[in-house]
Amino acid sequence: MHIQFAELPVSDQDRAKAFYTENLACQVIADHPMGDGGWRWVEVAFPFAVTNLHFIRRADAAPSAEPVLVLVDDDVDARVASLKAKGVEIVTEPQQAPWQPGRTVAEFRDSEGNRMMLASR
């Protein structure tokens, strides 16, 4: 058993799709019309991941105060440097996780204001 997708609130599906494909190497799994109003079923996949992301309509304009996802990366420092070079907002620089010595963590915001955590293995 595995989780097929996690829902991620967005205001602009095209902007979110561009952010995840261009900055985090995601591939578009689905992009299909979904009901009236122009909203689409957009699902992206991280390389080598089992769980995909599905973009749902954000209820309001408030960005998330706490991380909504934890992304595991082999090189958090390099990933943060890459995101910075692309103009992505870094919330916290790479540092040792206070709850797990030896694990590096950092936080950034995606194009929709969602706060994300990067963590080393």
PDB file of N, CA and C in Angstrom:
ATOM      1  N   MET A   1       0.845  -1.164   0.000  1.00  0.00           N
ATOM      2  CA  MET A   1       0.000   0.000   0.000  1.00  0.00           C
ATOM      3  C   MET A   1       0.900   1.239   0.000  1.00  0.00           C
ATOM      4  N   HIS A   2       0.442   2.309  -0.671  1.00  0.00           N
ATOM      5  CA  HIS A   2       1.139   3.584  -0.646  1.00  0.00           C
ATOM      6  C   HIS A   2       0.141   4.717  -0.857  1.00  0.00           C
ATOM      7  N   ILE A   3       0.571   5.927  -0.583  1.00  0.00           N
ATOM      8  CA  ILE A   3      -0.261   7.102  -0.798  1.00  0.00           C
ATOM      9  C   ILE A   3      -0.072   7.542  -2.243  1.00  0.00           C
ATOM     10  N   GLN A   4      -1.162   7.660  -2.995  1.00  0.00           N
ATOM     11  CA  GLN A   4      -1.070   8.045  -4.401  1.00  0.00           C
ATOM     12  C   GLN A   4      -0.674   9.505  -4.552  1.00  0.00           C
ATOM     13  N   PHE A   5      -1.363  10.418  -3.823  1.00  0.00           N
ATOM     14  CA  PHE A   5      -1.010  11.822  -3.910  1.00  0.00           C
ATOM     15  C   PHE A   5      -1.344  12.529  -2.611  1.00  0.00           C
ATOM     16  N   ALA A   6      -0.674  13.656  -2.404  1.00  0.00           N
ATOM     17  CA  ALA A   6      -0.980  14.574  -1.313  1.00  0.00           C
ATOM     18  C   ALA A   6      -1.521  15.838  -1.958  1.00  0.00           C
ATOM     19  N   GLU A   7      -2.515  16.452  -1.331  1.00  0.00           N
ATOM     20  CA  GLU A   7      -3.103  17.662  -1.890  1.00  0.00           C
ATOM     21  C   GLU A   7      -2.332  18.884  -1.415  1.00  0.00           C
ATOM     22  N   LEU A   8      -2.073  19.803  -2.332  1.00  0.00           N
ATOM     23  CA  LEU A   8      -1.332  21.014  -2.040  1.00  0.00           C
ATOM     24  C   LEU A   8      -2.154  22.208  -2.499  1.00  0.00           C
ATOM     25  N   PRO A   9      -2.510  23.121  -1.584  1.00  0.00           N
ATOM     26  CA  PRO A   9      -3.332  24.271  -1.970  1.00  0.00           C
ATOM     27  C   PRO A   9      -2.549  25.279  -2.805  1.00  0.00           C
ATOM     28  N   VAL A  10      -3.145  25.700  -3.926  1.00  0.00           N
ATOM     29  CA  VAL A  10      -2.531  26.687  -4.813  1.00  0.00           C
ATOM     30  C   VAL A  10      -3.596  27.671  -5.281  1.00  0.00           C
ATOM     31  N   SER A  11      -3.146  28.852  -5.680  1.00  0.00           N
ATOM     32  CA  SER A  11      -4.044  29.846  -6.261  1.00  0.00           C
ATOM     33  C   SER A  11      -3.972  29.831  -7.778  1.00  0.00           C
ATOM     34  N   ASP A  12      -2.802  29.507  -8.310  1.00  0.00           N
ATOM     35  CA  ASP A  12      -2.561  29.534  -9.749  1.00  0.00           C
ATOM     36  C   ASP A  12      -1.909  28.221 -10.158  1.00  0.00           C
ATOM     37  N   GLN A  13      -2.666  27.354 -10.805  1.00  0.00           N
ATOM     38  CA  GLN A  13      -2.157  26.034 -11.158  1.00  0.00           C
ATOM     39  C   GLN A  13      -0.984  26.101 -12.137  1.00  0.00           C
ATOM     40  N   ASP A  14      -1.034  27.000 -13.102  1.00  0.00           N
ATOM     41  CA  ASP A  14       0.064  27.096 -14.066  1.00  0.00           C
ATOM     42  C   ASP A  14       1.351  27.559 -13.392  1.00  0.00           C
ATOM     43  N   ARG A  15       1.234  28.550 -12.509  1.00  0.00           N
ATOM     44  CA  ARG A  15       2.409  29.039 -11.789  1.00  0.00           C
ATOM     45  C   ARG A  15       2.984  27.941 -10.905  1.00  0.00           C
ATOM     46  N   ALA A  16       2.125  27.194 -10.204  1.00  0.00           N
ATOM     47  CA  ALA A  16       2.582  26.098  -9.344  1.00  0.00           C
ATOM     48  C   ALA A  16       3.235  24.998 -10.175  1.00  0.00           C
ATOM     49  N   LYS A  17       2.625  24.659 -11.294  1.00  0.00           N
ATOM     50  CA  LYS A  17       3.185  23.616 -12.168  1.00  0.00           C
ATOM     51  C   LYS A  17       4.573  24.030 -12.648  1.00  0.00           C
ATOM     52  N   ALA A  18       4.724  25.280 -13.049  1.00  0.00           N
ATOM     53  CA  ALA A  18       6.031  25.773 -13.499  1.00  0.00           C
ATOM     54  C   ALA A  18       7.043  25.732 -12.362  1.00  0.00           C
ATOM     55  N   PHE A  19       6.633  26.131 -11.156  1.00  0.00           N
ATOM     56  CA  PHE A  19       7.543  26.129 -10.018  1.00  0.00           C
ATOM     57  C   PHE A  19       8.078  24.721  -9.758  1.00  0.00           C
ATOM     58  N   TYR A  20       7.191  23.749  -9.672  1.00  0.00           N
ATOM     59  CA  TYR A  20       7.612  22.392  -9.318  1.00  0.00           C
ATOM     60  C   TYR A  20       8.387  21.699 -10.427  1.00  0.00           C
ATOM     61  N   THR A  21       8.060  21.955 -11.679  1.00  0.00           N
ATOM     62  CA  THR A  21       8.818  21.331 -12.767  1.00  0.00           C
ATOM     63  C   THR A  21      10.170  22.008 -12.958  1.00  0.00           C
ATOM     64  N   GLU A  22      10.219  23.327 -12.848  1.00  0.00           N
ATOM     65  CA  GLU A  22      11.460  24.058 -13.109  1.00  0.00           C
ATOM     66  C   GLU A  22      12.428  24.072 -11.927  1.00  0.00           C
ATOM     67  N   ASN A  23      11.922  24.048 -10.704  1.00  0.00           N
ATOM     68  CA  ASN A  23      12.785  24.161  -9.526  1.00  0.00           C
ATOM     69  C   ASN A  23      13.057  22.847  -8.804  1.00  0.00           C
ATOM     70  N   LEU A  24      12.126  21.887  -8.909  1.00  0.00           N
ATOM     71  CA  LEU A  24      12.275  20.648  -8.150  1.00  0.00           C
ATOM     72  C   LEU A  24      12.234  19.403  -9.035  1.00  0.00           C
ATOM     73  N   ALA A  25      12.378  19.595 -10.343  1.00  0.00           N
ATOM     74  CA  ALA A  25      12.482  18.494 -11.304  1.00  0.00           C
ATOM     75  C   ALA A  25      11.265  17.566 -11.326  1.00  0.00           C
ATOM     76  N   CYS A  26      10.094  18.074 -10.954  1.00  0.00           N
ATOM     77  CA  CYS A  26       8.881  17.256 -11.021  1.00  0.00           C
ATOM     78  C   CYS A  26       8.448  17.080 -12.472  1.00  0.00           C
ATOM     79  N   GLN A  27       7.738  15.982 -12.722  1.00  0.00           N
ATOM     80  CA  GLN A  27       7.144  15.735 -14.027  1.00  0.00           C
ATOM     81  C   GLN A  27       5.630  15.816 -13.887  1.00  0.00           C
ATOM     82  N   VAL A  28       4.992  16.349 -14.911  1.00  0.00           N
ATOM     83  CA  VAL A  28       3.534  16.433 -14.907  1.00  0.00           C
ATOM     84  C   VAL A  28       2.966  15.052 -15.216  1.00  0.00           C
ATOM     85  N   ILE A  29       2.166  14.528 -14.314  1.00  0.00           N
ATOM     86  CA  ILE A  29       1.532  13.224 -14.476  1.00  0.00           C
ATOM     87  C   ILE A  29       0.160  13.386 -15.114  1.00  0.00           C
ATOM     88  N   ALA A  30      -0.540  14.461 -14.721  1.00  0.00           N
ATOM     89  CA  ALA A  30      -1.881  14.715 -15.259  1.00  0.00           C
ATOM     90  C   ALA A  30      -2.122  16.217 -15.301  1.00  0.00           C
ATOM     91  N   ASP A  31      -2.832  16.650 -16.334  1.00  0.00           N
ATOM     92  CA  ASP A  31      -3.286  18.042 -16.452  1.00  0.00           C
ATOM     93  C   ASP A  31      -4.518  17.999 -17.338  1.00  0.00           C
ATOM     94  N   HIS A  32      -5.695  17.837 -16.684  1.00  0.00           N
ATOM     95  CA  HIS A  32      -6.949  17.633 -17.403  1.00  0.00           C
ATOM     96  C   HIS A  32      -8.042  18.542 -16.845  1.00  0.00           C
ATOM     97  N   PRO A  33      -8.977  18.977 -17.682  1.00  0.00           N
ATOM     98  CA  PRO A  33     -10.108  19.771 -17.195  1.00  0.00           C
ATOM     99  C   PRO A  33     -10.852  19.014 -16.094  1.00  0.00           C
ATOM    100  N   MET A  34     -11.370  19.785 -15.119  1.00  0.00           N
ATOM    101  CA  MET A  34     -12.069  19.159 -13.998  1.00  0.00           C
ATOM    102  C   MET A  34     -13.271  20.026 -13.640  1.00  0.00           C
ATOM    103  N   GLY A  35     -14.401  19.751 -14.215  1.00  0.00           N
ATOM    104  CA  GLY A  35     -15.612  20.490 -13.907  1.00  0.00           C
ATOM    105  C   GLY A  35     -15.633  21.870 -14.538  1.00  0.00           C
ATOM    106  N   ASP A  36     -16.584  22.671 -14.084  1.00  0.00           N
ATOM    107  CA  ASP A  36     -16.740  24.029 -14.599  1.00  0.00           C
ATOM    108  C   ASP A  36     -15.774  24.976 -13.892  1.00  0.00           C
ATOM    109  N   GLY A  37     -15.578  26.123 -14.474  1.00  0.00           N
ATOM    110  CA  GLY A  37     -14.780  27.148 -13.821  1.00  0.00           C
ATOM    111  C   GLY A  37     -13.321  27.155 -14.209  1.00  0.00           C
ATOM    112  N   GLY A  38     -12.898  26.282 -15.098  1.00  0.00           N
ATOM    113  CA  GLY A  38     -11.520  26.298 -15.567  1.00  0.00           C
ATOM    114  C   GLY A  38     -10.507  25.614 -14.672  1.00  0.00           C
ATOM    115  N   TRP A  39     -10.948  25.082 -13.534  1.00  0.00           N
ATOM    116  CA  TRP A  39      -9.996  24.380 -12.662  1.00  0.00           C
ATOM    117  C   TRP A  39      -9.676  23.037 -13.278  1.00  0.00           C
ATOM    118  N   ARG A  40      -8.426  22.587 -13.109  1.00  0.00           N
ATOM    119  CA  ARG A  40      -7.970  21.347 -13.737  1.00  0.00           C
ATOM    120  C   ARG A  40      -7.456  20.368 -12.681  1.00  0.00           C
ATOM    121  N   TRP A  41      -7.424  19.112 -13.074  1.00  0.00           N
ATOM    122  CA  TRP A  41      -6.757  18.105 -12.254  1.00  0.00           C
ATOM    123  C   TRP A  41      -5.299  18.136 -12.681  1.00  0.00           C
ATOM    124  N   VAL A  42      -4.448  18.718 -11.829  1.00  0.00           N
ATOM    125  CA  VAL A  42      -3.022  18.796 -12.110  1.00  0.00           C
ATOM    126  C   VAL A  42      -2.304  17.982 -11.042  1.00  0.00           C
ATOM    127  N   GLU A  43      -1.510  17.028 -11.488  1.00  0.00           N
ATOM    128  CA  GLU A  43      -0.763  16.156 -10.584  1.00  0.00           C
ATOM    129  C   GLU A  43       0.673  16.090 -11.076  1.00  0.00           C
ATOM    130  N   VAL A  44       1.631  16.301 -10.165  1.00  0.00           N
ATOM    131  CA  VAL A  44       3.046  16.235 -10.517  1.00  0.00           C
ATOM    132  C   VAL A  44       3.740  15.188  -9.659  1.00  0.00           C
ATOM    133  N   ALA A  45       4.845  14.662 -10.182  1.00  0.00           N
ATOM    134  CA  ALA A  45       5.591  13.626  -9.477  1.00  0.00           C
ATOM    135  C   ALA A  45       7.038  14.054  -9.301  1.00  0.00           C
ATOM    136  N   PHE A  46       7.562  13.814  -8.105  1.00  0.00           N
ATOM    137  CA  PHE A  46       8.982  14.016  -7.845  1.00  0.00           C
ATOM    138  C   PHE A  46       9.754  12.827  -8.406  1.00  0.00           C
ATOM    139  N   PRO A  47      10.987  13.054  -8.852  1.00  0.00           N
ATOM    140  CA  PRO A  47      11.783  11.929  -9.347  1.00  0.00           C
ATOM    141  C   PRO A  47      11.915  10.846  -8.270  1.00  0.00           C
ATOM    142  N   PHE A  48      11.669   9.623  -8.636  1.00  0.00           N
ATOM    143  CA  PHE A  48      11.831   8.435  -7.793  1.00  0.00           C
ATOM    144  C   PHE A  48      10.860   8.357  -6.615  1.00  0.00           C
ATOM    145  N   ALA A  49       9.862   9.238  -6.544  1.00  0.00           N
ATOM    146  CA  ALA A  49       8.906   9.209  -5.433  1.00  0.00           C
ATOM    147  C   ALA A  49       7.700   8.351  -5.800  1.00  0.00           C
ATOM    148  N   VAL A  50       7.030   7.827  -4.788  1.00  0.00           N
ATOM    149  CA  VAL A  50       5.817   7.057  -4.990  1.00  0.00           C
ATOM    150  C   VAL A  50       4.596   7.964  -4.882  1.00  0.00           C
ATOM    151  N   THR A  51       4.656   8.952  -3.984  1.00  0.00           N
ATOM    152  CA  THR A  51       3.532   9.855  -3.763  1.00  0.00           C
ATOM    153  C   THR A  51       3.659  11.093  -4.638  1.00  0.00           C
ATOM    154  N   ASN A  52       2.597  11.439  -5.353  1.00  0.00           N
ATOM    155  CA  ASN A  52       2.565  12.626  -6.207  1.00  0.00           C
ATOM    156  C   ASN A  52       1.920  13.784  -5.462  1.00  0.00           C
ATOM    157  N   LEU A  53       1.957  14.983  -6.068  1.00  0.00           N
ATOM    158  CA  LEU A  53       1.253  16.146  -5.544  1.00  0.00           C
ATOM    159  C   LEU A  53       0.089  16.473  -6.453  1.00  0.00           C
ATOM    160  N   HIS A  54      -1.058  16.760  -5.857  1.00  0.00           N
ATOM    161  CA  HIS A  54      -2.241  17.186  -6.595  1.00  0.00           C
ATOM    162  C   HIS A  54      -2.562  18.599  -6.143  1.00  0.00           C
ATOM    163  N   PHE A  55      -2.658  19.553  -7.084  1.00  0.00           N
ATOM    164  CA  PHE A  55      -2.925  20.944  -6.750  1.00  0.00           C
ATOM    165  C   PHE A  55      -4.421  21.166  -6.560  1.00  0.00           C
ATOM    166  N   ILE A  56      -4.803  21.566  -5.357  1.00  0.00           N
ATOM    167  CA  ILE A  56      -6.196  21.893  -5.069  1.00  0.00           C
ATOM    168  C   ILE A  56      -6.330  23.408  -4.930  1.00  0.00           C
ATOM    169  N   ARG A  57      -7.540  23.903  -5.076  1.00  0.00           N
ATOM    170  CA  ARG A  57      -7.790  25.339  -4.983  1.00  0.00           C
ATOM    171  C   ARG A  57      -7.579  25.814  -3.542  1.00  0.00           C
ATOM    172  N   ARG A  58      -6.752  26.855  -3.396  1.00  0.00           N
ATOM    173  CA  ARG A  58      -6.495  27.442  -2.081  1.00  0.00           C
ATOM    174  C   ARG A  58      -7.762  28.155  -1.614  1.00  0.00           C
ATOM    175  N   ALA A  59      -8.119  27.963  -0.359  1.00  0.00           N
ATOM    176  CA  ALA A  59      -9.342  28.553   0.196  1.00  0.00           C
ATOM    177  C   ALA A  59      -9.225  30.063   0.392  1.00  0.00           C
ATOM    178  N   ASP A  60      -8.009  30.544   0.712  1.00  0.00           N
ATOM    179  CA  ASP A  60      -7.802  31.981   0.906  1.00  0.00           C
ATOM    180  C   ASP A  60      -6.372  32.328   0.513  1.00  0.00           C
ATOM    181  N   ALA A  61      -6.011  33.581   0.651  1.00  0.00           N
ATOM    182  CA  ALA A  61      -4.694  34.034   0.201  1.00  0.00           C
ATOM    183  C   ALA A  61      -3.607  33.878   1.264  1.00  0.00           C
ATOM    184  N   ALA A  62      -3.959  33.398   2.439  1.00  0.00           N
ATOM    185  CA  ALA A  62      -2.989  33.299   3.530  1.00  0.00           C
ATOM    186  C   ALA A  62      -1.972  32.187   3.269  1.00  0.00           C
ATOM    187  N   PRO A  63      -0.665  32.523   3.294  1.00  0.00           N
ATOM    188  CA  PRO A  63       0.351  31.481   3.132  1.00  0.00           C
ATOM    189  C   PRO A  63       0.427  30.615   4.390  1.00  0.00           C
ATOM    190  N   SER A  64       0.945  29.431   4.253  1.00  0.00           N
ATOM    191  CA  SER A  64       1.037  28.526   5.396  1.00  0.00           C
ATOM    192  C   SER A  64       2.098  29.013   6.376  1.00  0.00           C
ATOM    193  N   ALA A  65       1.768  28.989   7.656  1.00  0.00           N
ATOM    194  CA  ALA A  65       2.707  29.417   8.691  1.00  0.00           C
ATOM    195  C   ALA A  65       3.719  28.325   9.005  1.00  0.00           C
ATOM    196  N   GLU A  66       3.308  27.089   8.886  1.00  0.00           N
ATOM    197  CA  GLU A  66       4.169  25.943   9.174  1.00  0.00           C
ATOM    198  C   GLU A  66       4.391  25.158   7.886  1.00  0.00           C
ATOM    199  N   PRO A  67       5.469  24.379   7.818  1.00  0.00           N
ATOM    200  CA  PRO A  67       5.700  23.572   6.613  1.00  0.00           C
ATOM    201  C   PRO A  67       4.542  22.618   6.341  1.00  0.00           C
ATOM    202  N   VAL A  68       4.149  22.533   5.072  1.00  0.00           N
ATOM    203  CA  VAL A  68       3.067  21.632   4.687  1.00  0.00           C
ATOM    204  C   VAL A  68       3.603  20.307   4.157  1.00  0.00           C
ATOM    205  N   LEU A  69       4.862  20.298   3.736  1.00  0.00           N
ATOM    206  CA  LEU A  69       5.512  19.074   3.268  1.00  0.00           C
ATOM    207  C   LEU A  69       6.966  19.065   3.717  1.00  0.00           C
ATOM    208  N   VAL A  70       7.511  17.877   3.921  1.00  0.00           N
ATOM    209  CA  VAL A  70       8.938  17.702   4.171  1.00  0.00           C
ATOM    210  C   VAL A  70       9.485  16.930   2.982  1.00  0.00           C
ATOM    211  N   LEU A  71      10.423  17.552   2.269  1.00  0.00           N
ATOM    212  CA  LEU A  71      11.056  16.930   1.111  1.00  0.00           C
ATOM    213  C   LEU A  71      12.451  16.465   1.517  1.00  0.00           C
ATOM    214  N   VAL A  72      12.766  15.214   1.267  1.00  0.00           N
ATOM    215  CA  VAL A  72      14.065  14.658   1.637  1.00  0.00           C
ATOM    216  C   VAL A  72      14.989  14.764   0.436  1.00  0.00           C
ATOM    217  N   ASP A  73      16.192  15.282   0.672  1.00  0.00           N
ATOM    218  CA  ASP A  73      17.159  15.508  -0.397  1.00  0.00           C
ATOM    219  C   ASP A  73      18.532  15.057   0.081  1.00  0.00           C
ATOM    220  N   ASP A  74      19.328  14.489  -0.815  1.00  0.00           N
ATOM    221  CA  ASP A  74      20.670  14.025  -0.452  1.00  0.00           C
ATOM    222  C   ASP A  74      21.606  15.171  -0.102  1.00  0.00           C
ATOM    223  N   ASP A  75      21.394  16.357  -0.688  1.00  0.00           N
ATOM    224  CA  ASP A  75      22.284  17.493  -0.464  1.00  0.00           C
ATOM    225  C   ASP A  75      21.456  18.762  -0.269  1.00  0.00           C
ATOM    226  N   VAL A  76      21.057  19.010   0.966  1.00  0.00           N
ATOM    227  CA  VAL A  76      20.205  20.156   1.284  1.00  0.00           C
ATOM    228  C   VAL A  76      20.913  21.463   0.934  1.00  0.00           C
ATOM    229  N   ASP A  77      22.213  21.565   1.240  1.00  0.00           N
ATOM    230  CA  ASP A  77      22.958  22.792   0.946  1.00  0.00           C
ATOM    231  C   ASP A  77      22.936  23.102  -0.552  1.00  0.00           C
ATOM    232  N   ALA A  78      23.192  22.112  -1.367  1.00  0.00           N
ATOM    233  CA  ALA A  78      23.195  22.315  -2.821  1.00  0.00           C
ATOM    234  C   ALA A  78      21.798  22.649  -3.333  1.00  0.00           C
ATOM    235  N   ARG A  79      20.785  22.001  -2.803  1.00  0.00           N
ATOM    236  CA  ARG A  79      19.411  22.288  -3.235  1.00  0.00           C
ATOM    237  C   ARG A  79      19.026  23.715  -2.866  1.00  0.00           C
ATOM    238  N   VAL A  80      19.369  24.153  -1.676  1.00  0.00           N
ATOM    239  CA  VAL A  80      19.066  25.531  -1.262  1.00  0.00           C
ATOM    240  C   VAL A  80      19.803  26.512  -2.161  1.00  0.00           C
ATOM    241  N   ALA A  81      21.069  26.246  -2.472  1.00  0.00           N
ATOM    242  CA  ALA A  81      21.834  27.126  -3.364  1.00  0.00           C
ATOM    243  C   ALA A  81      21.170  27.205  -4.734  1.00  0.00           C
ATOM    244  N   SER A  82      20.698  26.073  -5.239  1.00  0.00           N
ATOM    245  CA  SER A  82      20.026  26.035  -6.535  1.00  0.00           C
ATOM    246  C   SER A  82      18.723  26.834  -6.500  1.00  0.00           C
ATOM    247  N   LEU A  83      17.943  26.663  -5.438  1.00  0.00           N
ATOM    248  CA  LEU A  83      16.684  27.402  -5.300  1.00  0.00           C
ATOM    249  C   LEU A  83      16.942  28.904  -5.193  1.00  0.00           C
ATOM    250  N   LYS A  84      17.952  29.286  -4.409  1.00  0.00           N
ATOM    251  CA  LYS A  84      18.307  30.704  -4.277  1.00  0.00           C
ATOM    252  C   LYS A  84      18.668  31.296  -5.632  1.00  0.00           C
ATOM    253  N   ALA A  85      19.446  30.562  -6.402  1.00  0.00           N
ATOM    254  CA  ALA A  85      19.891  31.042  -7.717  1.00  0.00           C
ATOM    255  C   ALA A  85      18.704  31.278  -8.647  1.00  0.00           C
ATOM    256  N   LYS A  86      17.596  30.578  -8.397  1.00  0.00           N
ATOM    257  CA  LYS A  86      16.394  30.728  -9.215  1.00  0.00           C
ATOM    258  C   LYS A  86      15.419  31.740  -8.612  1.00  0.00           C
ATOM    259  N   GLY A  87      15.821  32.400  -7.526  1.00  0.00           N
ATOM    260  CA  GLY A  87      14.983  33.432  -6.921  1.00  0.00           C
ATOM    261  C   GLY A  87      13.935  32.933  -5.947  1.00  0.00           C
ATOM    262  N   VAL A  88      14.041  31.688  -5.518  1.00  0.00           N
ATOM    263  CA  VAL A  88      13.070  31.125  -4.569  1.00  0.00           C
ATOM    264  C   VAL A  88      13.333  31.695  -3.173  1.00  0.00           C
ATOM    265  N   GLU A  89      12.255  32.035  -2.450  1.00  0.00           N
ATOM    266  CA  GLU A  89      12.380  32.571  -1.092  1.00  0.00           C
ATOM    267  C   GLU A  89      12.824  31.467  -0.134  1.00  0.00           C
ATOM    268  N   ILE A  90      13.967  31.672   0.503  1.00  0.00           N
ATOM    269  CA  ILE A  90      14.466  30.741   1.514  1.00  0.00           C
ATOM    270  C   ILE A  90      14.031  31.292   2.869  1.00  0.00           C
ATOM    271  N   VAL A  91      13.288  30.507   3.629  1.00  0.00           N
ATOM    272  CA  VAL A  91      12.769  30.939   4.932  1.00  0.00           C
ATOM    273  C   VAL A  91      13.825  30.721   6.012  1.00  0.00           C
ATOM    274  N   THR A  92      14.443  29.549   6.027  1.00  0.00           N
ATOM    275  CA  THR A  92      15.543  29.267   6.956  1.00  0.00           C
ATOM    276  C   THR A  92      16.666  28.601   6.181  1.00  0.00           C
ATOM    277  N   GLU A  93      17.878  29.042   6.443  1.00  0.00           N
ATOM    278  CA  GLU A  93      19.075  28.487   5.814  1.00  0.00           C
ATOM    279  C   GLU A  93      19.329  27.081   6.368  1.00  0.00           C
ATOM    280  N   PRO A  94      20.118  26.275   5.639  1.00  0.00           N
ATOM    281  CA  PRO A  94      20.446  24.941   6.146  1.00  0.00           C
ATOM    282  C   PRO A  94      21.079  25.017   7.537  1.00  0.00           C
ATOM    283  N   GLN A  95      20.591  24.141   8.403  1.00  0.00           N
ATOM    284  CA  GLN A  95      21.075  24.073   9.778  1.00  0.00           C
ATOM    285  C   GLN A  95      20.807  22.687  10.324  1.00  0.00           C
ATOM    286  N   GLN A  96      21.441  22.362  11.437  1.00  0.00           N
ATOM    287  CA  GLN A  96      21.197  21.071  12.067  1.00  0.00           C
ATOM    288  C   GLN A  96      19.812  21.079  12.694  1.00  0.00           C
ATOM    289  N   ALA A  97      19.065  20.013  12.478  1.00  0.00           N
ATOM    290  CA  ALA A  97      17.729  19.889  13.067  1.00  0.00           C
ATOM    291  C   ALA A  97      17.869  19.736  14.579  1.00  0.00           C
ATOM    292  N   PRO A  98      17.226  20.611  15.351  1.00  0.00           N
ATOM    293  CA  PRO A  98      17.351  20.508  16.814  1.00  0.00           C
ATOM    294  C   PRO A  98      16.768  19.215  17.372  1.00  0.00           C
ATOM    295  N   TRP A  99      15.831  18.615  16.663  1.00  0.00           N
ATOM    296  CA  TRP A  99      15.186  17.392  17.130  1.00  0.00           C
ATOM    297  C   TRP A  99      15.902  16.127  16.659  1.00  0.00           C
ATOM    298  N   GLN A 100      16.901  16.283  15.752  1.00  0.00           N
ATOM    299  CA  GLN A 100      17.599  15.108  15.239  1.00  0.00           C
ATOM    300  C   GLN A 100      19.035  15.479  14.859  1.00  0.00           C
ATOM    301  N   PRO A 101      19.962  15.412  15.818  1.00  0.00           N
ATOM    302  CA  PRO A 101      21.352  15.761  15.532  1.00  0.00           C
ATOM    303  C   PRO A 101      21.887  14.974  14.325  1.00  0.00           C
ATOM    304  N   GLY A 102      22.627  15.691  13.476  1.00  0.00           N
ATOM    305  CA  GLY A 102      23.193  15.058  12.290  1.00  0.00           C
ATOM    306  C   GLY A 102      22.329  15.207  11.055  1.00  0.00           C
ATOM    307  N   ARG A 103      21.097  15.672  11.220  1.00  0.00           N
ATOM    308  CA  ARG A 103      20.194  15.865  10.079  1.00  0.00           C
ATOM    309  C   ARG A 103      20.132  17.357   9.754  1.00  0.00           C
ATOM    310  N   THR A 104      20.325  17.693   8.483  1.00  0.00           N
ATOM    311  CA  THR A 104      20.283  19.074   8.029  1.00  0.00           C
ATOM    312  C   THR A 104      18.881  19.396   7.531  1.00  0.00           C
ATOM    313  N   VAL A 105      18.373  20.586   7.890  1.00  0.00           N
ATOM    314  CA  VAL A 105      17.060  21.030   7.438  1.00  0.00           C
ATOM    315  C   VAL A 105      17.144  22.486   6.975  1.00  0.00           C
ATOM    316  N   ALA A 106      16.256  22.861   6.105  1.00  0.00           N
ATOM    317  CA  ALA A 106      16.094  24.236   5.640  1.00  0.00           C
ATOM    318  C   ALA A 106      14.643  24.385   5.211  1.00  0.00           C
ATOM    319  N   GLU A 107      14.179  25.628   5.068  1.00  0.00           N
ATOM    320  CA  GLU A 107      12.797  25.848   4.642  1.00  0.00           C
ATOM    321  C   GLU A 107      12.747  26.887   3.530  1.00  0.00           C
ATOM    322  N   PHE A 108      11.774  26.716   2.635  1.00  0.00           N
ATOM    323  CA  PHE A 108      11.550  27.669   1.551  1.00  0.00           C
ATOM    324  C   PHE A 108      10.055  27.792   1.310  1.00  0.00           C
ATOM    325  N   ARG A 109       9.668  28.783   0.506  1.00  0.00           N
ATOM    326  CA  ARG A 109       8.274  28.944   0.097  1.00  0.00           C
ATOM    327  C   ARG A 109       8.183  28.649  -1.401  1.00  0.00           C
ATOM    328  N   ASP A 110       7.120  27.953  -1.775  1.00  0.00           N
ATOM    329  CA  ASP A 110       6.888  27.711  -3.192  1.00  0.00           C
ATOM    330  C   ASP A 110       6.201  28.933  -3.812  1.00  0.00           C
ATOM    331  N   SER A 111       5.848  28.840  -5.070  1.00  0.00           N
ATOM    332  CA  SER A 111       5.242  29.963  -5.784  1.00  0.00           C
ATOM    333  C   SER A 111       3.895  30.372  -5.211  1.00  0.00           C
ATOM    334  N   GLU A 112       3.262  29.502  -4.435  1.00  0.00           N
ATOM    335  CA  GLU A 112       1.929  29.754  -3.891  1.00  0.00           C
ATOM    336  C   GLU A 112       1.955  30.139  -2.416  1.00  0.00           C
ATOM    337  N   GLY A 113       3.129  30.327  -1.857  1.00  0.00           N
ATOM    338  CA  GLY A 113       3.252  30.712  -0.454  1.00  0.00           C
ATOM    339  C   GLY A 113       3.302  29.550   0.513  1.00  0.00           C
ATOM    340  N   ASN A 114       3.247  28.314  -0.003  1.00  0.00           N
ATOM    341  CA  ASN A 114       3.330  27.150   0.874  1.00  0.00           C
ATOM    342  C   ASN A 114       4.741  27.047   1.441  1.00  0.00           C
ATOM    343  N   ARG A 115       4.820  26.851   2.741  1.00  0.00           N
ATOM    344  CA  ARG A 115       6.123  26.695   3.400  1.00  0.00           C
ATOM    345  C   ARG A 115       6.513  25.223   3.321  1.00  0.00           C
ATOM    346  N   MET A 116       7.726  24.961   2.833  1.00  0.00           N
ATOM    347  CA  MET A 116       8.216  23.601   2.629  1.00  0.00           C
ATOM    348  C   MET A 116       9.502  23.408   3.424  1.00  0.00           C
ATOM    349  N   MET A 117       9.730  22.198   3.901  1.00  0.00           N
ATOM    350  CA  MET A 117      10.979  21.881   4.571  1.00  0.00           C
ATOM    351  C   MET A 117      11.790  20.939   3.690  1.00  0.00           C
ATOM    352  N   LEU A 118      13.075  21.203   3.607  1.00  0.00           N
ATOM    353  CA  LEU A 118      14.022  20.276   2.990  1.00  0.00           C
ATOM    354  C   LEU A 118      14.765  19.611   4.137  1.00  0.00           C
ATOM    355  N   ALA A 119      14.950  18.311   4.080  1.00  0.00           N
ATOM    356  CA  ALA A 119      15.662  17.590   5.130  1.00  0.00           C
ATOM    357  C   ALA A 119      16.591  16.578   4.495  1.00  0.00           C
ATOM    358  N   SER A 120      17.755  16.409   5.108  1.00  0.00           N
ATOM    359  CA  SER A 120      18.683  15.384   4.639  1.00  0.00           C
ATOM    360  C   SER A 120      18.174  14.018   5.086  1.00  0.00           C
ATOM    361  N   ARG A 121      18.708  12.981   4.488  1.00  0.00           N
ATOM    362  CA  ARG A 121      18.301  11.614   4.856  1.00  0.00           C
ATOM    363  C   ARG A 121      18.681  11.268   6.258  1.00  0.00           C
TER     364      ARG A 121
END
